[in-house]
C-alpha atoms as a PDB file:
ATOM      1  CA  UNK A   1      10.857   0.747  -2.490  1.00  0.00           C
ATOM      2  CA  UNK A   2       9.903   3.608  -4.756  1.00  0.00           C
ATOM      3  CA  UNK A   3       9.828   2.996  -8.474  1.00  0.00           C
ATOM      4  CA  UNK A   4       8.449   4.307 -11.701  1.00  0.00           C
ATOM      5  CA  UNK A   5       7.966   2.920 -15.192  1.00  0.00           C
ATOM      6  CA  UNK A   6       8.700   4.952 -18.283  1.00  0.00           C
ATOM      7  CA  UNK A   7       5.626   4.143 -20.373  1.00  0.00           C
ATOM      8  CA  UNK A   8       7.456   5.030 -23.586  1.00  0.00           C
ATOM      9  CA  UNK A   9      10.344   2.563 -23.272  1.00  0.00           C
ATOM     10  CA  UNK A  10       9.408   0.267 -20.359  1.00  0.00           C
ATOM     11  CA  UNK A  11      12.417   1.153 -18.211  1.00  0.00           C
ATOM     12  CA  UNK A  12      12.015   0.840 -14.433  1.00  0.00           C
ATOM     13  CA  UNK A  13      13.482   3.563 -12.194  1.00  0.00           C
ATOM     14  CA  UNK A  14      13.887   2.202  -8.644  1.00  0.00           C
ATOM     15  CA  UNK A  15      15.205   3.349  -5.310  1.00  0.00           C
ATOM     16  CA  UNK A  16      15.137   1.130  -2.236  1.00  0.00           C
ATOM     17  CA  UNK A  17      15.145   2.892   1.096  1.00  0.00           C
ATOM     18  CA  UNK A  18      14.151   2.041   4.669  1.00  0.00           C
ATOM     19  CA  UNK A  19      11.385   4.635   4.653  1.00  0.00           C
ATOM     20  CA  UNK A  20       9.061   6.382   2.222  1.00  0.00           C
ATOM     21  CA  UNK A  21       9.039   9.956   3.444  1.00  0.00           C
ATOM     22  CA  UNK A  22       9.166  13.211   1.524  1.00  0.00           C
ATOM     23  CA  UNK A  23      12.975  13.076   1.558  1.00  0.00           C
ATOM     24  CA  UNK A  24      13.039   9.683  -0.201  1.00  0.00           C
ATOM     25  CA  UNK A  25      10.287  10.699  -2.607  1.00  0.00           C
ATOM     26  CA  UNK A  26      12.208  13.827  -3.609  1.00  0.00           C
ATOM     27  CA  UNK A  27      15.298  11.651  -4.093  1.00  0.00           C
ATOM     28  CA  UNK A  28      13.209   9.505  -6.460  1.00  0.00           C
ATOM     29  CA  UNK A  29      11.969  12.591  -8.334  1.00  0.00           C
ATOM     30  CA  UNK A  30      15.580  13.746  -8.708  1.00  0.00           C
ATOM     31  CA  UNK A  31      16.483  10.335 -10.145  1.00  0.00           C
ATOM     32  CA  UNK A  32      13.857  10.520 -12.864  1.00  0.00           C
ATOM     33  CA  UNK A  33      14.561  14.219 -13.444  1.00  0.00           C
ATOM     34  CA  UNK A  34      18.183  13.300 -14.251  1.00  0.00           C
ATOM     35  CA  UNK A  35      17.153  10.391 -16.496  1.00  0.00           C
ATOM     36  CA  UNK A  36      14.472  12.067 -18.613  1.00  0.00           C
ATOM     37  CA  UNK A  37      15.565  14.697 -21.164  1.00  0.00           C
ATOM     38  CA  UNK A  38      15.095  18.214 -19.778  1.00  0.00           C
ATOM     39  CA  UNK A  39      12.774  19.391 -22.561  1.00  0.00           C
ATOM     40  CA  UNK A  40      10.140  16.748 -21.712  1.00  0.00           C
ATOM     41  CA  UNK A  41       7.430  17.089 -19.072  1.00  0.00           C
ATOM     42  CA  UNK A  42       7.325  14.185 -16.621  1.00  0.00           C
ATOM     43  CA  UNK A  43       3.829  12.952 -15.797  1.00  0.00           C
ATOM     44  CA  UNK A  44       3.747  10.870 -12.637  1.00  0.00           C
ATOM     45  CA  UNK A  45       0.782   8.655 -11.747  1.00  0.00           C
ATOM     46  CA  UNK A  46       0.673   8.126  -8.012  1.00  0.00           C
ATOM     47  CA  UNK A  47      -1.505   7.690  -4.967  1.00  0.00           C
ATOM     48  CA  UNK A  48      -2.235  10.260  -2.265  1.00  0.00           C
ATOM     49  CA  UNK A  49       0.522   9.120   0.102  1.00  0.00           C
ATOM     50  CA  UNK A  50       1.462  11.940   2.465  1.00  0.00           C
ATOM     51  CA  UNK A  51       5.001  12.179   1.009  1.00  0.00           C
ATOM     52  CA  UNK A  52       3.526  12.868  -2.429  1.00  0.00           C
ATOM     53  CA  UNK A  53       1.618  15.948  -1.252  1.00  0.00           C
ATOM     54  CA  UNK A  54       3.836  17.228   1.582  1.00  0.00           C
ATOM     55  CA  UNK A  55       5.153  20.767   1.970  1.00  0.00           C
ATOM     56  CA  UNK A  56       8.666  19.501   1.157  1.00  0.00           C
ATOM     57  CA  UNK A  57       7.461  17.875  -2.067  1.00  0.00           C
ATOM     58  CA  UNK A  58       5.498  20.981  -3.050  1.00  0.00           C
ATOM     59  CA  UNK A  59       8.579  23.147  -2.457  1.00  0.00           C
ATOM     60  CA  UNK A  60      10.646  20.786  -4.626  1.00  0.00           C
ATOM     61  CA  UNK A  61       8.059  20.944  -7.420  1.00  0.00           C
ATOM     62  CA  UNK A  62       8.114  24.750  -7.268  1.00  0.00           C
ATOM     63  CA  UNK A  63      11.892  24.606  -7.762  1.00  0.00           C
ATOM     64  CA  UNK A  64      11.278  22.686 -11.024  1.00  0.00           C
ATOM     65  CA  UNK A  65       8.479  24.683 -12.682  1.00  0.00           C
ATOM     66  CA  UNK A  66       6.569  22.840 -15.416  1.00  0.00           C
ATOM     67  CA  UNK A  67       8.822  19.771 -15.145  1.00  0.00           C
ATOM     68  CA  UNK A  68       6.445  17.443 -13.299  1.00  0.00           C
ATOM     69  CA  UNK A  69       2.723  16.853 -13.553  1.00  0.00           C
ATOM     70  CA  UNK A  70       1.143  14.627 -10.920  1.00  0.00           C
ATOM     71  CA  UNK A  71      -1.923  12.543 -11.727  1.00  0.00           C
ATOM     72  CA  UNK A  72      -3.423  11.008  -8.592  1.00  0.00           C
ATOM     73  CA  UNK A  73      -5.293   7.711  -8.597  1.00  0.00           C
ATOM     74  CA  UNK A  74      -8.521   7.619  -6.615  1.00  0.00           C
ATOM     75  CA  UNK A  75      -8.495   6.128  -3.122  1.00  0.00           C
ATOM     76  CA  UNK A  76      -8.651   2.344  -3.304  1.00  0.00           C
ATOM     77  CA  UNK A  77      -7.649   2.564  -6.979  1.00  0.00           C
ATOM     78  CA  UNK A  78      -4.064   1.321  -6.770  1.00  0.00           C
ATOM     79  CA  UNK A  79      -4.881  -1.214  -9.494  1.00  0.00           C
ATOM     80  CA  UNK A  80      -4.985   1.762 -11.895  1.00  0.00           C
ATOM     81  CA  UNK A  81      -1.287   2.413 -11.291  1.00  0.00           C
ATOM     82  CA  UNK A  82       0.951   0.249 -13.471  1.00  0.00           C
ATOM     83  CA  UNK A  83       3.819   0.352 -10.953  1.00  0.00           C
ATOM     84  CA  UNK A  84       1.590  -1.391  -8.396  1.00  0.00           C
ATOM     85  CA  UNK A  85       1.178  -4.271 -10.871  1.00  0.00           C
ATOM     86  CA  UNK A  86       4.948  -4.317 -11.310  1.00  0.00           C
ATOM     87  CA  UNK A  87       5.458  -4.522  -7.516  1.00  0.00           C
ATOM     88  CA  UNK A  88       3.099  -7.503  -7.414  1.00  0.00           C
ATOM     89  CA  UNK A  89       4.944  -9.234 -10.246  1.00  0.00           C
ATOM     90  CA  UNK A  90       8.291  -8.468  -8.588  1.00  0.00           C
ATOM     91  CA  UNK A  91       7.125 -10.002  -5.308  1.00  0.00           C
ATOM     92  CA  UNK A  92       5.750 -13.122  -7.039  1.00  0.00           C
ATOM     93  CA  UNK A  93       8.714 -13.725  -9.338  1.00  0.00           C
ATOM     94  CA  UNK A  94      11.954 -12.188  -8.139  1.00  0.00           C
ATOM     95  CA  UNK A  95      11.351 -12.210  -4.399  1.00  0.00           C
ATOM     96  CA  UNK A  96       9.298 -15.367  -3.984  1.00  0.00           C
ATOM     97  CA  UNK A  97      11.022 -18.186  -2.070  1.00  0.00           C
ATOM     98  CA  UNK A  98      14.413 -16.491  -1.797  1.00  0.00           C
ATOM     99  CA  UNK A  99      16.636 -16.678   1.243  1.00  0.00           C
ATOM    100  CA  UNK A 100      18.840 -13.750   2.173  1.00  0.00           C
ATOM    101  CA  UNK A 101      21.058 -13.204   5.170  1.00  0.00           C
ATOM    102  CA  UNK A 102      20.923  -9.403   5.335  1.00  0.00           C
ATOM    103  CA  UNK A 103      18.876  -6.411   4.211  1.00  0.00           C
ATOM    104  CA  UNK A 104      21.834  -5.384   2.070  1.00  0.00           C
ATOM    105  CA  UNK A 105      21.712  -8.710   0.208  1.00  0.00           C
ATOM    106  CA  UNK A 106      17.981  -8.272  -0.375  1.00  0.00           C
ATOM    107  CA  UNK A 107      18.527  -4.754  -1.715  1.00  0.00           C
ATOM    108  CA  UNK A 108      21.281  -5.998  -4.053  1.00  0.00           C
ATOM    109  CA  UNK A 109      18.961  -8.732  -5.355  1.00  0.00           C
ATOM    110  CA  UNK A 110      16.183  -6.238  -5.997  1.00  0.00           C
ATOM    111  CA  UNK A 111      18.482  -3.901  -7.938  1.00  0.00           C
ATOM    112  CA  UNK A 112      20.022  -6.824  -9.862  1.00  0.00           C
ATOM    113  CA  UNK A 113      16.573  -8.134 -10.768  1.00  0.00           C
ATOM    114  CA  UNK A 114      15.416  -4.742 -12.003  1.00  0.00           C
ATOM    115  CA  UNK A 115      18.664  -4.348 -13.937  1.00  0.00           C
ATOM    116  CA  UNK A 116      17.880  -7.640 -15.696  1.00  0.00           C
ATOM    117  CA  UNK A 117      14.315  -6.507 -16.404  1.00  0.00           C
ATOM    118  CA  UNK A 118      15.648  -3.221 -17.822  1.00  0.00           C
ATOM    119  CA  UNK A 119      17.963  -5.154 -20.159  1.00  0.00           C
ATOM    120  CA  UNK A 120      14.826  -6.237 -22.070  1.00  0.00           C
ATOM    121  CA  UNK A 121      12.090  -3.820 -21.025  1.00  0.00           C
ATOM    122  CA  UNK A 122       8.471  -4.381 -21.983  1.00  0.00           C
ATOM    123  CA  UNK A 123       6.306  -1.476 -23.075  1.00  0.00           C
ATOM    124  CA  UNK A 124       2.802  -1.874 -21.694  1.00  0.00           C
ATOM    125  CA  UNK A 125       0.040  -0.950 -24.129  1.00  0.00           C
ATOM    126  CA  UNK A 126      -3.389  -0.246 -22.711  1.00  0.00           C
ATOM    127  CA  UNK A 127      -6.229  -1.783 -24.701  1.00  0.00           C
ATOM    128  CA  UNK A 128      -9.946  -1.362 -24.453  1.00  0.00           C
ATOM    129  CA  UNK A 129     -12.463  -2.495 -27.015  1.00  0.00           C
ATOM    130  CA  UNK A 130     -15.659  -0.555 -26.559  1.00  0.00           C
ATOM    131  CA  UNK A 131     -17.413  -2.397 -29.384  1.00  0.00           C
ATOM    132  CA  UNK A 132     -16.431  -5.893 -28.243  1.00  0.00           C
ATOM    133  CA  UNK A 133     -19.723  -7.827 -28.016  1.00  0.00           C
ATOM    134  CA  UNK A 134     -18.160 -10.629 -25.932  1.00  0.00           C
ATOM    135  CA  UNK A 135     -17.933  -8.472 -22.826  1.00  0.00           C
END
């Protein structure tokens, strides 16, 4: 599964595929490119997975000048990426203790669950209190 969260409105953009190669990652980038108004720059926070830095991905980014800006998390810093927290929540809530007969049924459940989440999206607001004496 590849997914992204729009930090402005809380909407989840998912694609579920068998693999996570450059081809699938570019498909995901096309999805968010179509969803986000063309005059806005899309900043993507991601890890250093090979598909994110491949020649194919770089060629795609060159075909969309100034559209995307990638911000890479440090190695072993997946906890800094909000989508990783969403994946954890998805696994614990939507996918925990379910029984499915086929991969197709699982994929349908994932999309249905995200559709329900997107019906009432939550905007995450980072907070940090530097002057908090209780820390």
